[in-house]
Amino acid sequence: MPDITIGDWSKLGSTIRARRQRLALSQTEAADRANVSRSWLARVEAGHRGAELEQVMRLLDALGLTMVVRESPSDADRDEQIGREITDRHRERSASRRRAWPTGPDSRRP
């Protein structure tokens, strides 16, 4: 599973719900594993605010997830990353077009 940036309670809830569903767990089963109530889990999955960190950490552990906290990138870092992504896409498209060009002696037009 790739890293997911959690910017708000809705994203946290949807990430937890998606993981629970990938594990084919009901809300009751996941809540039992984390020692939280099913109604609490339902509220977290719905994006309600104010969940206690201890319970969130138990739930993440029960779902095999880990929380990582890192410094937010600066605007300059984000701009640089966007620039790299645009350049990479341009290179990929150019290479794809070059591969599509006919080659060989029969490819010349009269």
C-alpha atoms as a PDB file:
ATOM      1  CA  MET A   1       0.000   0.000   0.000  1.00  0.00           C
ATOM      2  CA  PRO A   2       1.473   3.379  -0.942  1.00  0.00           C
ATOM      3  CA  ASP A   3       1.832   6.223   1.544  1.00  0.00           C
ATOM      4  CA  ILE A   4      -1.354   8.211   1.990  1.00  0.00           C
ATOM      5  CA  THR A   5      -1.372  11.821   3.116  1.00  0.00           C
ATOM      6  CA  ILE A   6      -4.115  12.431   5.663  1.00  0.00           C
ATOM      7  CA  GLY A   7      -5.110  16.077   5.565  1.00  0.00           C
ATOM      8  CA  ASP A   8      -8.417  15.940   7.375  1.00  0.00           C
ATOM      9  CA  TRP A   9     -10.816  13.684   9.281  1.00  0.00           C
ATOM     10  CA  SER A  10     -12.672  12.655   6.117  1.00  0.00           C
ATOM     11  CA  LYS A  11      -9.474  11.339   4.532  1.00  0.00           C
ATOM     12  CA  LEU A  12      -8.614   9.448   7.724  1.00  0.00           C
ATOM     13  CA  GLY A  13     -12.074   7.885   7.763  1.00  0.00           C
ATOM     14  CA  SER A  14     -12.068   6.898   4.102  1.00  0.00           C
ATOM     15  CA  THR A  15      -8.575   5.401   4.434  1.00  0.00           C
ATOM     16  CA  ILE A  16      -9.621   3.319   7.431  1.00  0.00           C
ATOM     17  CA  ARG A  17     -12.819   2.190   5.689  1.00  0.00           C
ATOM     18  CA  ALA A  18     -10.936   1.208   2.532  1.00  0.00           C
ATOM     19  CA  ARG A  19      -8.382  -0.816   4.501  1.00  0.00           C
ATOM     20  CA  ARG A  20     -11.082  -2.544   6.556  1.00  0.00           C
ATOM     21  CA  GLN A  21     -12.944  -3.469   3.384  1.00  0.00           C
ATOM     22  CA  ARG A  22      -9.746  -4.725   1.695  1.00  0.00           C
ATOM     23  CA  LEU A  23      -9.269  -7.005   4.711  1.00  0.00           C
ATOM     24  CA  ALA A  24     -12.910  -8.140   4.314  1.00  0.00           C
ATOM     25  CA  LEU A  25     -13.727  -7.156   7.886  1.00  0.00           C
ATOM     26  CA  SER A  26     -17.080  -5.925   9.082  1.00  0.00           C
ATOM     27  CA  GLN A  27     -17.145  -2.840  11.271  1.00  0.00           C
ATOM     28  CA  THR A  28     -17.920  -5.096  14.236  1.00  0.00           C
ATOM     29  CA  GLU A  29     -14.933  -7.364  13.531  1.00  0.00           C
ATOM     30  CA  ALA A  30     -12.533  -4.435  13.087  1.00  0.00           C
ATOM     31  CA  ALA A  31     -13.877  -2.719  16.204  1.00  0.00           C
ATOM     32  CA  ASP A  32     -13.450  -5.910  18.231  1.00  0.00           C
ATOM     33  CA  ARG A  33      -9.844  -6.260  17.041  1.00  0.00           C
ATOM     34  CA  ALA A  34      -9.098  -2.671  18.119  1.00  0.00           C
ATOM     35  CA  ASN A  35     -11.107  -2.860  21.346  1.00  0.00           C
ATOM     36  CA  VAL A  36     -13.335   0.067  20.332  1.00  0.00           C
ATOM     37  CA  SER A  37     -17.076   0.220  19.811  1.00  0.00           C
ATOM     38  CA  ARG A  38     -18.627  -0.343  16.399  1.00  0.00           C
ATOM     39  CA  SER A  39     -20.445   2.994  16.661  1.00  0.00           C
ATOM     40  CA  TRP A  40     -17.121   4.773  17.362  1.00  0.00           C
ATOM     41  CA  LEU A  41     -15.596   3.116  14.294  1.00  0.00           C
ATOM     42  CA  ALA A  42     -18.608   4.117  12.186  1.00  0.00           C
ATOM     43  CA  ARG A  43     -18.168   7.742  13.275  1.00  0.00           C
ATOM     44  CA  VAL A  44     -14.435   7.703  12.457  1.00  0.00           C
ATOM     45  CA  GLU A  45     -15.112   6.179   9.037  1.00  0.00           C
ATOM     46  CA  ALA A  46     -17.710   8.896   8.429  1.00  0.00           C
ATOM     47  CA  GLY A  47     -15.076  11.563   9.094  1.00  0.00           C
ATOM     48  CA  HIS A  48     -16.359  12.833  12.436  1.00  0.00           C
ATOM     49  CA  ARG A  49     -13.841  14.896  14.366  1.00  0.00           C
ATOM     50  CA  GLY A  50     -12.510  14.397  17.834  1.00  0.00           C
ATOM     51  CA  ALA A  51     -11.469  10.757  17.921  1.00  0.00           C
ATOM     52  CA  GLU A  52      -8.969  10.071  20.681  1.00  0.00           C
ATOM     53  CA  LEU A  53      -5.504   9.329  19.397  1.00  0.00           C
ATOM     54  CA  GLU A  54      -5.121   6.232  21.596  1.00  0.00           C
ATOM     55  CA  GLN A  55      -8.175   4.628  19.989  1.00  0.00           C
ATOM     56  CA  VAL A  56      -7.076   5.680  16.499  1.00  0.00           C
ATOM     57  CA  MET A  57      -3.653   4.122  17.090  1.00  0.00           C
ATOM     58  CA  ARG A  58      -5.232   0.857  18.283  1.00  0.00           C
ATOM     59  CA  LEU A  59      -7.479   0.804  15.227  1.00  0.00           C
ATOM     60  CA  LEU A  60      -4.588   1.458  12.824  1.00  0.00           C
ATOM     61  CA  ASP A  61      -2.611  -1.337  14.481  1.00  0.00           C
ATOM     62  CA  ALA A  62      -5.569  -3.724  14.242  1.00  0.00           C
ATOM     63  CA  LEU A  63      -5.813  -2.966  10.509  1.00  0.00           C
ATOM     64  CA  GLY A  64      -2.072  -3.369   9.942  1.00  0.00           C
ATOM     65  CA  LEU A  65      -1.501   0.331   9.287  1.00  0.00           C
ATOM     66  CA  THR A  66       1.185   2.636  10.659  1.00  0.00           C
ATOM     67  CA  MET A  67       1.014   6.380  11.180  1.00  0.00           C
ATOM     68  CA  VAL A  68       4.001   8.420   9.995  1.00  0.00           C
ATOM     69  CA  VAL A  69       4.364  12.093  10.835  1.00  0.00           C
ATOM     70  CA  ARG A  70       6.638  14.207   8.688  1.00  0.00           C
ATOM     71  CA  GLU A  71       7.233  17.859   8.003  1.00  0.00           C
ATOM     72  CA  SER A  72       4.990  19.320   5.333  1.00  0.00           C
ATOM     73  CA  PRO A  73       6.862  20.232   2.168  1.00  0.00           C
ATOM     74  CA  SER A  74       7.418  23.918   1.559  1.00  0.00           C
ATOM     75  CA  ASP A  75       5.817  25.682  -1.393  1.00  0.00           C
ATOM     76  CA  ALA A  76       9.180  25.589  -3.191  1.00  0.00           C
ATOM     77  CA  ASP A  77       9.461  21.816  -2.643  1.00  0.00           C
ATOM     78  CA  ARG A  78       5.928  21.309  -3.973  1.00  0.00           C
ATOM     79  CA  ASP A  79       6.651  23.489  -7.021  1.00  0.00           C
ATOM     80  CA  GLU A  80       9.848  21.531  -7.705  1.00  0.00           C
ATOM     81  CA  GLN A  81       7.979  18.215  -7.418  1.00  0.00           C
ATOM     82  CA  ILE A  82       5.252  19.419  -9.796  1.00  0.00           C
ATOM     83  CA  GLY A  83       7.919  20.547 -12.260  1.00  0.00           C
ATOM     84  CA  ARG A  84       9.590  17.124 -12.116  1.00  0.00           C
ATOM     85  CA  GLU A  85       6.255  15.378 -12.685  1.00  0.00           C
ATOM     86  CA  ILE A  86       5.478  17.561 -15.725  1.00  0.00           C
ATOM     87  CA  THR A  87       8.953  16.958 -17.167  1.00  0.00           C
ATOM     88  CA  ASP A  88       8.648  13.198 -16.594  1.00  0.00           C
ATOM     89  CA  ARG A  89       5.242  13.078 -18.317  1.00  0.00           C
ATOM     90  CA  HIS A  90       6.627  15.071 -21.253  1.00  0.00           C
ATOM     91  CA  ARG A  91       9.568  12.666 -21.600  1.00  0.00           C
ATOM     92  CA  GLU A  92       7.259   9.642 -21.440  1.00  0.00           C
ATOM     93  CA  ARG A  93       4.975  11.067 -24.149  1.00  0.00           C
ATOM     94  CA  SER A  94       7.935  11.976 -26.367  1.00  0.00           C
ATOM     95  CA  ALA A  95       9.417   8.498 -26.020  1.00  0.00           C
ATOM     96  CA  SER A  96       6.043   6.935 -26.797  1.00  0.00           C
ATOM     97  CA  ARG A  97       5.678   9.052 -29.943  1.00  0.00           C
ATOM     98  CA  ARG A  98       9.207   8.154 -31.062  1.00  0.00           C
ATOM     99  CA  ARG A  99       8.456   4.439 -30.588  1.00  0.00           C
ATOM    100  CA  ALA A 100       5.350   4.833 -32.744  1.00  0.00           C
ATOM    101  CA  TRP A 101       7.278   6.338 -35.683  1.00  0.00           C
ATOM    102  CA  PRO A 102       7.866   3.906 -38.512  1.00  0.00           C
ATOM    103  CA  THR A 103      11.487   2.863 -38.906  1.00  0.00           C
ATOM    104  CA  GLY A 104      13.500   0.920 -41.427  1.00  0.00           C
ATOM    105  CA  PRO A 105      14.054   1.202 -45.174  1.00  0.00           C
ATOM    106  CA  ASP A 106      10.367   0.778 -46.077  1.00  0.00           C
ATOM    107  CA  SER A 107       9.317   3.643 -43.823  1.00  0.00           C
ATOM    108  CA  ARG A 108      10.465   6.441 -46.130  1.00  0.00           C
ATOM    109  CA  ARG A 109       7.901   8.234 -48.175  1.00  0.00           C
ATOM    110  CA  PRO A 110       8.558   8.650 -51.906  1.00  0.00           C
END
